[in-house]
C-alpha atoms as a PDB file:
ATOM      1  CA  MET A   1      83.569 -66.767  30.856  1.00  0.00           C
ATOM      2  CA  ARG A   2      81.068 -64.223  29.551  1.00  0.00           C
ATOM      3  CA  VAL A   3      80.931 -63.394  25.848  1.00  0.00           C
ATOM      4  CA  PRO A   4      80.755 -59.592  25.211  1.00  0.00           C
ATOM      5  CA  GLY A   5      77.414 -58.629  23.585  1.00  0.00           C
ATOM      6  CA  LEU A   6      78.855 -57.029  20.392  1.00  0.00           C
ATOM      7  CA  LEU A   7      80.916 -59.980  19.526  1.00  0.00           C
ATOM      8  CA  LEU A   8      78.306 -62.515  20.563  1.00  0.00           C
ATOM      9  CA  LEU A   9      75.798 -60.392  17.886  1.00  0.00           C
ATOM     10  CA  ALA A  10      78.288 -60.419  15.037  1.00  0.00           C
ATOM     11  CA  VAL A  11      78.852 -64.098  15.644  1.00  0.00           C
ATOM     12  CA  GLN A  12      75.107 -64.898  15.372  1.00  0.00           C
ATOM     13  CA  VAL A  13      74.686 -62.651  12.398  1.00  0.00           C
ATOM     14  CA  VAL A  14      77.459 -64.578  10.438  1.00  0.00           C
ATOM     15  CA  GLY A  15      76.768 -67.987  11.714  1.00  0.00           C
ATOM     16  CA  CYS A  16      73.001 -68.327  11.707  1.00  0.00           C
ATOM     17  CA  GLY A  17      71.956 -65.540   9.581  1.00  0.00           C
ATOM     18  CA  GLY A  18      73.898 -66.809   6.265  1.00  0.00           C
ATOM     19  CA  GLN A  19      72.216 -70.024   6.423  1.00  0.00           C
ATOM     20  CA  ALA A  20      68.609 -68.726   6.480  1.00  0.00           C
ATOM     21  CA  LEU A  21      69.525 -66.157   3.984  1.00  0.00           C
ATOM     22  CA  HIS A  22      70.862 -68.676   1.486  1.00  0.00           C
ATOM     23  CA  GLU A  23      67.476 -70.304   1.470  1.00  0.00           C
ATOM     24  CA  PHE A  24      65.466 -67.261   1.186  1.00  0.00           C
ATOM     25  CA  PRO A  25      67.364 -64.553  -0.594  1.00  0.00           C
ATOM     26  CA  PRO A  26      66.186 -60.706   0.679  1.00  0.00           C
ATOM     27  CA  GLY A  27      62.809 -60.082  -0.640  1.00  0.00           C
ATOM     28  CA  ALA A  28      61.611 -63.553  -1.295  1.00  0.00           C
ATOM     29  CA  THR A  29      59.033 -65.429   0.786  1.00  0.00           C
ATOM     30  CA  PRO A  30      58.873 -69.343   1.479  1.00  0.00           C
ATOM     31  CA  GLY A  31      57.291 -71.091  -1.635  1.00  0.00           C
ATOM     32  CA  GLU A  32      58.201 -68.096  -3.962  1.00  0.00           C
ATOM     33  CA  ARG A  33      61.098 -68.078  -6.035  1.00  0.00           C
ATOM     34  CA  ALA A  34      63.117 -64.835  -6.035  1.00  0.00           C
ATOM     35  CA  THR A  35      64.317 -62.972  -9.191  1.00  0.00           C
ATOM     36  CA  LEU A  36      68.082 -62.803  -8.929  1.00  0.00           C
ATOM     37  CA  SER A  37      70.359 -60.052 -10.700  1.00  0.00           C
ATOM     38  CA  ASP A  38      73.994 -59.792 -11.596  1.00  0.00           C
ATOM     39  CA  PRO A  39      76.347 -57.426 -10.345  1.00  0.00           C
ATOM     40  CA  GLY A  40      75.134 -54.831 -13.010  1.00  0.00           C
ATOM     41  CA  GLY A  41      71.426 -55.277 -12.018  1.00  0.00           C
ATOM     42  CA  THR A  42      70.417 -57.056 -14.924  1.00  0.00           C
ATOM     43  CA  THR A  43      67.860 -59.836 -14.124  1.00  0.00           C
ATOM     44  CA  THR A  44      69.080 -63.421 -15.265  1.00  0.00           C
ATOM     45  CA  ASP A  45      65.919 -65.448 -16.336  1.00  0.00           C
ATOM     46  CA  GLN A  46      67.785 -66.873 -19.327  1.00  0.00           C
ATOM     47  CA  ARG A  47      70.225 -69.722 -19.219  1.00  0.00           C
ATOM     48  CA  ARG A  48      73.998 -68.983 -18.952  1.00  0.00           C
ATOM     49  CA  ILE A  49      75.902 -70.948 -21.796  1.00  0.00           C
ATOM     50  CA  ILE A  50      79.486 -70.665 -22.518  1.00  0.00           C
ATOM     51  CA  GLN A  51      79.861 -71.199 -26.122  1.00  0.00           C
ATOM     52  CA  THR A  52      83.126 -72.118 -28.191  1.00  0.00           C
ATOM     53  CA  ALA A  53      83.924 -73.231 -31.547  1.00  0.00           C
ATOM     54  CA  ASP A  54      87.217 -74.241 -33.287  1.00  0.00           C
ATOM     55  CA  ILE A  55      87.300 -73.714 -37.401  1.00  0.00           C
ATOM     56  CA  SER A  56      90.102 -74.976 -39.404  1.00  0.00           C
ATOM     57  CA  LEU A  57      90.005 -73.860 -43.029  1.00  0.00           C
ATOM     58  CA  VAL A  58      92.094 -74.029 -46.374  1.00  0.00           C
ATOM     59  CA  VAL A  59      91.835 -70.693 -48.404  1.00  0.00           C
ATOM     60  CA  GLU A  60      93.442 -70.123 -52.081  1.00  0.00           C
ATOM     61  CA  ASP A  61      93.558 -66.304 -51.459  1.00  0.00           C
ATOM     62  CA  PHE A  62      94.938 -65.684 -47.967  1.00  0.00           C
ATOM     63  CA  ALA A  63      94.941 -61.912 -48.232  1.00  0.00           C
ATOM     64  CA  ALA A  64      91.079 -62.273 -49.386  1.00  0.00           C
ATOM     65  CA  PHE A  65      90.204 -64.124 -46.386  1.00  0.00           C
ATOM     66  CA  GLU A  66      91.867 -61.840 -43.959  1.00  0.00           C
ATOM     67  CA  GLN A  67      90.016 -58.865 -45.756  1.00  0.00           C
ATOM     68  CA  ARG A  68      86.696 -60.847 -45.397  1.00  0.00           C
ATOM     69  CA  LEU A  69      87.342 -61.637 -41.866  1.00  0.00           C
ATOM     70  CA  ALA A  70      88.102 -58.176 -40.935  1.00  0.00           C
ATOM     71  CA  GLY A  71      84.986 -57.238 -42.303  1.00  0.00           C
ATOM     72  CA  LEU A  72      82.835 -60.085 -40.484  1.00  0.00           C
ATOM     73  CA  VAL A  73      84.116 -59.365 -36.988  1.00  0.00           C
ATOM     74  CA  PRO A  74      82.721 -55.805 -36.610  1.00  0.00           C
ATOM     75  CA  GLN A  75      79.644 -56.633 -38.482  1.00  0.00           C
ATOM     76  CA  SER A  76      78.856 -59.221 -35.902  1.00  0.00           C
ATOM     77  CA  GLY A  77      79.889 -57.046 -33.032  1.00  0.00           C
ATOM     78  CA  GLY A  78      82.662 -58.713 -31.896  1.00  0.00           C
ATOM     79  CA  TYR A  79      86.409 -58.071 -31.781  1.00  0.00           C
ATOM     80  CA  VAL A  80      89.713 -60.064 -32.374  1.00  0.00           C
ATOM     81  CA  ALA A  81      91.165 -61.049 -28.969  1.00  0.00           C
ATOM     82  CA  GLU A  82      94.270 -62.582 -30.498  1.00  0.00           C
ATOM     83  CA  SER A  83      96.001 -63.033 -34.021  1.00  0.00           C
ATOM     84  CA  LYS A  84      98.885 -64.714 -35.627  1.00  0.00           C
ATOM     85  CA  VAL A  85     100.081 -64.762 -39.291  1.00  0.00           C
ATOM     86  CA  ASP A  86     103.383 -66.306 -40.273  1.00  0.00           C
ATOM     87  CA  ARG A  87     105.110 -67.515 -43.769  1.00  0.00           C
ATOM     88  CA  THR A  88     106.966 -70.636 -42.203  1.00  0.00           C
ATOM     89  CA  GLN A  89     105.851 -72.750 -44.994  1.00  0.00           C
ATOM     90  CA  GLY A  90     107.469 -70.885 -47.983  1.00  0.00           C
ATOM     91  CA  TYR A  91     105.097 -68.540 -49.740  1.00  0.00           C
ATOM     92  CA  GLN A  92     101.916 -70.148 -48.554  1.00  0.00           C
ATOM     93  CA  ARG A  93     100.816 -68.199 -45.493  1.00  0.00           C
ATOM     94  CA  THR A  94      99.060 -69.497 -42.162  1.00  0.00           C
ATOM     95  CA  GLY A  95      96.939 -67.529 -39.802  1.00  0.00           C
ATOM     96  CA  ARG A  96      95.376 -68.033 -36.385  1.00  0.00           C
ATOM     97  CA  TRP A  97      92.769 -65.748 -34.915  1.00  0.00           C
ATOM     98  CA  ILE A  98      90.770 -65.731 -31.618  1.00  0.00           C
ATOM     99  CA  VAL A  99      87.440 -63.966 -31.839  1.00  0.00           C
ATOM    100  CA  ARG A 100      84.960 -63.039 -29.247  1.00  0.00           C
ATOM    101  CA  VAL A 101      81.243 -62.472 -30.687  1.00  0.00           C
ATOM    102  CA  PRO A 102      78.136 -61.817 -28.877  1.00  0.00           C
ATOM    103  CA  ILE A 103      76.062 -65.087 -28.373  1.00  0.00           C
ATOM    104  CA  ASN A 104      73.213 -63.820 -30.487  1.00  0.00           C
ATOM    105  CA  LYS A 105      75.525 -63.581 -33.307  1.00  0.00           C
ATOM    106  CA  PHE A 106      77.521 -66.914 -32.839  1.00  0.00           C
ATOM    107  CA  ASP A 107      75.809 -69.324 -35.088  1.00  0.00           C
ATOM    108  CA  ALA A 108      75.619 -66.877 -38.063  1.00  0.00           C
ATOM    109  CA  PHE A 109      79.288 -65.674 -37.483  1.00  0.00           C
ATOM    110  CA  VAL A 110      80.550 -69.607 -37.760  1.00  0.00           C
ATOM    111  CA  ASP A 111      78.538 -70.180 -40.435  1.00  0.00           C
ATOM    112  CA  GLU A 112      80.002 -67.145 -42.399  1.00  0.00           C
ATOM    113  CA  VAL A 113      83.650 -68.023 -41.605  1.00  0.00           C
ATOM    114  CA  THR A 114      83.117 -71.576 -42.526  1.00  0.00           C
ATOM    115  CA  ALA A 115      81.682 -70.514 -46.022  1.00  0.00           C
ATOM    116  CA  ALA A 116      84.648 -68.336 -46.514  1.00  0.00           C
ATOM    117  CA  GLY A 117      87.100 -71.349 -47.246  1.00  0.00           C
ATOM    118  CA  VAL A 118      87.151 -75.178 -47.301  1.00  0.00           C
ATOM    119  CA  PRO A 119      86.571 -76.443 -44.078  1.00  0.00           C
ATOM    120  CA  GLU A 120      89.009 -79.137 -42.788  1.00  0.00           C
ATOM    121  CA  SER A 121      87.316 -79.380 -39.287  1.00  0.00           C
ATOM    122  CA  ARG A 122      84.460 -77.601 -37.480  1.00  0.00           C
ATOM    123  CA  GLN A 123      83.861 -78.183 -33.616  1.00  0.00           C
ATOM    124  CA  THR A 124      81.632 -76.238 -31.398  1.00  0.00           C
ATOM    125  CA  HIS A 125      81.341 -76.799 -27.526  1.00  0.00           C
ATOM    126  CA  ALA A 126      78.555 -75.400 -25.007  1.00  0.00           C
ATOM    127  CA  GLN A 127      78.972 -75.453 -21.384  1.00  0.00           C
ATOM    128  CA  ASP A 128      75.899 -74.907 -19.050  1.00  0.00           C
ATOM    129  CA  VAL A 129      76.993 -72.795 -16.199  1.00  0.00           C
ATOM    130  CA  THR A 130      73.509 -71.704 -15.064  1.00  0.00           C
ATOM    131  CA  ALA A 131      73.272 -73.494 -11.825  1.00  0.00           C
ATOM    132  CA  GLU A 132      76.649 -71.791 -10.737  1.00  0.00           C
ATOM    133  CA  PHE A 133      75.637 -68.396 -11.808  1.00  0.00           C
ATOM    134  CA  ILE A 134      72.560 -68.599  -9.839  1.00  0.00           C
ATOM    135  CA  ASP A 135      74.025 -70.126  -6.707  1.00  0.00           C
ATOM    136  CA  LEU A 136      76.769 -67.142  -6.841  1.00  0.00           C
ATOM    137  CA  GLN A 137      73.989 -64.561  -6.954  1.00  0.00           C
ATOM    138  CA  ALA A 138      72.382 -66.034  -3.936  1.00  0.00           C
ATOM    139  CA  ARG A 139      75.483 -65.996  -2.167  1.00  0.00           C
ATOM    140  CA  LEU A 140      76.274 -62.672  -2.962  1.00  0.00           C
ATOM    141  CA  ALA A 141      72.873 -61.406  -1.702  1.00  0.00           C
ATOM    142  CA  ASN A 142      73.494 -63.146   1.588  1.00  0.00           C
ATOM    143  CA  LYS A 143      77.010 -61.847   2.001  1.00  0.00           C
ATOM    144  CA  ARG A 144      75.627 -58.336   1.323  1.00  0.00           C
ATOM    145  CA  GLU A 145      72.996 -58.817   3.878  1.00  0.00           C
ATOM    146  CA  ILE A 146      75.541 -59.840   6.395  1.00  0.00           C
ATOM    147  CA  GLU A 147      77.739 -57.101   5.429  1.00  0.00           C
ATOM    148  CA  ARG A 148      74.779 -54.512   6.249  1.00  0.00           C
ATOM    149  CA  ARG A 149      74.020 -56.384   9.565  1.00  0.00           C
ATOM    150  CA  ILE A 150      77.501 -55.952  10.683  1.00  0.00           C
ATOM    151  CA  VAL A 151      77.815 -52.342   9.756  1.00  0.00           C
ATOM    152  CA  ARG A 152      74.517 -51.613  11.668  1.00  0.00           C
ATOM    153  CA  LEU A 153      76.278 -53.444  14.677  1.00  0.00           C
ATOM    154  CA  LEU A 154      79.353 -51.221  14.498  1.00  0.00           C
ATOM    155  CA  ASP A 155      77.266 -48.027  14.180  1.00  0.00           C
ATOM    156  CA  ASP A 156      75.604 -49.107  17.485  1.00  0.00           C
ATOM    157  CA  ARG A 157      78.768 -50.207  18.928  1.00  0.00           C
ATOM    158  CA  SER A 158      78.879 -49.805  22.841  1.00  0.00           C
ATOM    159  CA  GLY A 159      81.361 -52.763  23.538  1.00  0.00           C
ATOM    160  CA  ASP A 160      85.007 -52.985  24.378  1.00  0.00           C
ATOM    161  CA  ILE A 161      87.563 -51.940  21.882  1.00  0.00           C
ATOM    162  CA  LYS A 162      88.880 -55.400  21.429  1.00  0.00           C
ATOM    163  CA  ASP A 163      85.347 -56.507  20.570  1.00  0.00           C
ATOM    164  CA  VAL A 164      85.032 -53.933  18.009  1.00  0.00           C
ATOM    165  CA  ILE A 165      88.263 -54.823  16.379  1.00  0.00           C
ATOM    166  CA  ALA A 166      87.190 -58.321  15.965  1.00  0.00           C
ATOM    167  CA  VAL A 167      83.869 -57.499  14.516  1.00  0.00           C
ATOM    168  CA  GLU A 168      85.665 -55.037  12.044  1.00  0.00           C
ATOM    169  CA  ALA A 169      88.031 -57.933  11.155  1.00  0.00           C
ATOM    170  CA  GLU A 170      85.033 -60.137  10.420  1.00  0.00           C
ATOM    171  CA  LEU A 171      83.539 -57.331   8.289  1.00  0.00           C
ATOM    172  CA  GLY A 172      86.812 -57.297   6.176  1.00  0.00           C
ATOM    173  CA  ARG A 173      86.468 -61.089   5.668  1.00  0.00           C
ATOM    174  CA  VAL A 174      83.109 -60.970   4.365  1.00  0.00           C
ATOM    175  CA  ARG A 175      83.826 -58.010   2.188  1.00  0.00           C
ATOM    176  CA  GLU A 176      86.541 -59.890   0.659  1.00  0.00           C
ATOM    177  CA  GLU A 177      84.347 -62.854  -0.079  1.00  0.00           C
ATOM    178  CA  ILE A 178      82.076 -60.473  -1.676  1.00  0.00           C
ATOM    179  CA  GLU A 179      84.554 -59.309  -3.966  1.00  0.00           C
ATOM    180  CA  ARG A 180      85.372 -62.750  -4.833  1.00  0.00           C
ATOM    181  CA  ILE A 181      82.067 -63.815  -5.707  1.00  0.00           C
ATOM    182  CA  GLU A 182      81.759 -60.531  -7.803  1.00  0.00           C
ATOM    183  CA  GLY A 183      84.650 -61.350  -9.702  1.00  0.00           C
ATOM    184  CA  ARG A 184      83.452 -64.867 -10.579  1.00  0.00           C
ATOM    185  CA  LEU A 185      80.239 -63.318 -11.367  1.00  0.00           C
ATOM    186  CA  LYS A 186      81.595 -60.795 -13.760  1.00  0.00           C
ATOM    187  CA  TYR A 187      83.856 -63.402 -15.520  1.00  0.00           C
ATOM    188  CA  LEU A 188      80.848 -65.841 -16.205  1.00  0.00           C
ATOM    189  CA  THR A 189      78.900 -62.765 -17.317  1.00  0.00           C
ATOM    190  CA  HIS A 190      81.514 -62.046 -19.909  1.00  0.00           C
ATOM    191  CA  GLN A 191      82.134 -65.381 -20.850  1.00  0.00           C
ATOM    192  CA  THR A 192      78.303 -66.148 -21.478  1.00  0.00           C
ATOM    193  CA  GLU A 193      77.659 -62.872 -23.133  1.00  0.00           C
ATOM    194  CA  LEU A 194      80.742 -63.058 -25.652  1.00  0.00           C
ATOM    195  CA  THR A 195      81.336 -66.402 -27.247  1.00  0.00           C
ATOM    196  CA  THR A 196      84.907 -67.705 -28.194  1.00  0.00           C
ATOM    197  CA  VAL A 197      85.817 -68.678 -31.881  1.00  0.00           C
ATOM    198  CA  THR A 198      89.190 -69.896 -32.797  1.00  0.00           C
ATOM    199  CA  ILE A 199      89.760 -69.733 -36.464  1.00  0.00           C
ATOM    200  CA  THR A 200      92.841 -71.422 -38.165  1.00  0.00           C
ATOM    201  CA  ALA A 201      93.398 -70.802 -41.930  1.00  0.00           C
ATOM    202  CA  ARG A 202      96.180 -71.880 -44.282  1.00  0.00           C
ATOM    203  CA  GLU A 203      96.819 -70.852 -47.991  1.00  0.00           C
ATOM    204  CA  GLN A 204      96.634 -73.422 -50.584  1.00  0.00           C
ATOM    205  CA  LYS A 205      96.236 -72.962 -54.240  1.00  0.00           C
ATOM    206  CA  THR A 206      93.739 -75.357 -56.355  1.00  0.00           C
ATOM    207  CA  TYR A 207      92.929 -77.292 -53.228  1.00  0.00           C
ATOM    208  CA  VAL A 208      90.781 -80.184 -53.714  1.00  0.00           C
ATOM    209  CA  PRO A 209      89.180 -81.727 -50.653  1.00  0.00           C
ATOM    210  CA  PRO A 210      89.670 -85.430 -50.223  1.00  0.00           C
ATOM    211  CA  GLN A 211      86.494 -87.379 -51.499  1.00  0.00           C
ATOM    212  CA  ALA A 212      85.140 -90.854 -51.177  1.00  0.00           C
ATOM    213  CA  PRO A 213      86.874 -93.358 -53.636  1.00  0.00           C
ATOM    214  CA  ALA A 214      84.816 -94.622 -56.437  1.00  0.00           C
ATOM    215  CA  PHE A 215      83.903 -98.558 -56.665  1.00  0.00           C
ATOM    216  CA  VAL A 216      86.648 -99.291 -59.051  1.00  0.00           C
ATOM    217  CA  ALA A 217      89.287 -97.523 -56.760  1.00  0.00           C
ATOM    218  CA  GLN A 218      87.964 -99.311 -53.728  1.00  0.00           C
ATOM    219  CA  ILE A 219      88.406-102.580 -55.627  1.00  0.00           C
ATOM    220  CA  GLY A 220      91.996-101.451 -56.331  1.00  0.00           C
ATOM    221  CA  GLN A 221      92.530-100.465 -52.723  1.00  0.00           C
ATOM    222  CA  THR A 222      91.343-103.776 -51.339  1.00  0.00           C
ATOM    223  CA  TRP A 223      93.501-105.711 -53.743  1.00  0.00           C
ATOM    224  CA  SER A 224      96.707-103.774 -52.741  1.00  0.00           C
ATOM    225  CA  ALA A 225      95.610-104.128 -49.207  1.00  0.00           C
ATOM    226  CA  SER A 226      95.261-107.834 -49.600  1.00  0.00           C
ATOM    227  CA  ILE A 227      98.621-108.306 -51.435  1.00  0.00           C
ATOM    228  CA  HIS A 228     100.356-106.141 -48.721  1.00  0.00           C
ATOM    229  CA  GLU A 229      98.985-108.380 -45.941  1.00  0.00           C
ATOM    230  CA  LEU A 230      99.823-111.436 -47.699  1.00  0.00           C
ATOM    231  CA  THR A 231     103.427-110.372 -48.246  1.00  0.00           C
ATOM    232  CA  ARG A 232     103.699-109.548 -44.616  1.00  0.00           C
ATOM    233  CA  PHE A 233     102.331-113.078 -43.448  1.00  0.00           C
ATOM    234  CA  ALA A 234     105.019-114.575 -46.017  1.00  0.00           C
ATOM    235  CA  GLN A 235     107.588-112.547 -44.758  1.00  0.00           C
ATOM    236  CA  GLY A 236     106.604-113.165 -41.050  1.00  0.00           C
ATOM    237  CA  SER A 237     106.573-116.927 -41.821  1.00  0.00           C
ATOM    238  CA  MET A 238     110.183-117.006 -43.010  1.00  0.00           C
ATOM    239  CA  LEU A 239     111.378-114.811 -40.405  1.00  0.00           C
ATOM    240  CA  LEU A 240     109.855-117.376 -37.739  1.00  0.00           C
ATOM    241  CA  ALA A 241     111.358-120.328 -39.633  1.00  0.00           C
ATOM    242  CA  VAL A 242     114.797-118.527 -39.555  1.00  0.00           C
ATOM    243  CA  GLY A 243     114.212-117.862 -36.022  1.00  0.00           C
ATOM    244  CA  LEU A 244     113.299-121.335 -34.823  1.00  0.00           C
ATOM    245  CA  THR A 245     116.253-123.159 -36.934  1.00  0.00           C
ATOM    246  CA  PRO A 246     119.002-122.766 -34.263  1.00  0.00           C
ATOM    247  CA  TRP A 247     116.438-124.062 -31.619  1.00  0.00           C
ATOM    248  CA  LEU A 248     115.566-127.165 -33.649  1.00  0.00           C
ATOM    249  CA  LEU A 249     119.194-127.875 -34.316  1.00  0.00           C
ATOM    250  CA  ALA A 250     119.982-127.713 -30.813  1.00  0.00           C
ATOM    251  CA  LEU A 251     117.117-129.981 -29.899  1.00  0.00           C
ATOM    252  CA  ALA A 252     117.974-132.482 -32.474  1.00  0.00           C
ATOM    253  CA  ILE A 253     121.581-132.614 -31.274  1.00  0.00           C
ATOM    254  CA  ILE A 254     120.237-133.309 -27.549  1.00  0.00           C
ATOM    255  CA  ALA A 255     117.653-135.818 -28.805  1.00  0.00           C
ATOM    256  CA  PHE A 256     119.838-137.881 -31.072  1.00  0.00           C
ATOM    257  CA  PRO A 257     121.910-139.672 -28.275  1.00  0.00           C
ATOM    258  CA  ILE A 258     118.742-140.349 -26.333  1.00  0.00           C
ATOM    259  CA  VAL A 259     116.801-141.817 -29.300  1.00  0.00           C
ATOM    260  CA  ARG A 260     119.840-143.902 -30.258  1.00  0.00           C
ATOM    261  CA  HIS A 261     120.081-145.301 -26.675  1.00  0.00           C
ATOM    262  CA  PHE A 262     116.523-146.446 -26.460  1.00  0.00           C
ATOM    263  CA  ARG A 263     116.732-148.095 -29.872  1.00  0.00           C
ATOM    264  CA  ARG A 264     119.963-150.027 -28.822  1.00  0.00           C
ATOM    265  CA  ARG A 265     117.934-151.227 -25.790  1.00  0.00           C
ATOM    266  CA  ALA A 266     114.898-152.129 -27.671  1.00  0.00           C
ATOM    267  CA  ARG A 267     117.228-154.333 -30.051  1.00  0.00           C
ATOM    268  CA  ARG A 268     118.698-155.956 -27.215  1.00  0.00           C
ATOM    269  CA  SER A 269     115.459-157.064 -25.726  1.00  0.00           C
ATOM    270  CA  ILE A 270     114.480-158.492 -28.923  1.00  0.00           C
ATOM    271  CA  PHE A 271     117.601-160.854 -28.943  1.00  0.00           C
ATOM    272  CA  VAL A 272     117.187-161.835 -25.401  1.00  0.00           C
ATOM    273  CA  THR A 273     113.681-163.218 -26.069  1.00  0.00           C
END
């Protein structure tokens, strides 16, 4: 059965062209590294890092902290993506904010927020997505070149209507893949250009952070811990003795006739001899 020329060319473009393009993106030659660009046309020579931070603070004046945070966010070129404040613990307020900050302001912003209260915890995380970003760019360039080739085939079409419909369906599939890759690239671009800082703050007057105990206090704590363990050992021993008592009584009842029998036999053997 002879395959129509238009459909055969489309299969060759999609099947063979994609592999060759993946190895050498348009404009690149063997042995030369091509400069890749994101959907917006910006070259990406720098690494792509997704930065996140979690900060937990204790503040004496919650209103003052809110005001300071409201000034720090625009000063750093960021915005508040989510916020929640409540008074579930009496008059003491608690709040949680998710802030998006440009990556070049990340470290300074985290330091400023941490200095606005007494930090209970501070964690940062970095995820390198550079390899995925470059791979997506190469795949996007490949798919766009395949799209251009299929469009040229359709412009010069001379085959049966069924062949044309099949090629148009393949073109639609390629364009769906392009949209999917572009969406992922836009997501990674957004996540790497803007960091995510989660801030949790609770109000507590005259808060004193826990400190390492002094030597005398350590002696007292060690003594108390030792007494506690000794008490637990004594209690455990008493409970063990109480638990074994019924078993010992049962064994004594069973063993008494046996021992008595053997003693009688021993006495008889003495008299006989």
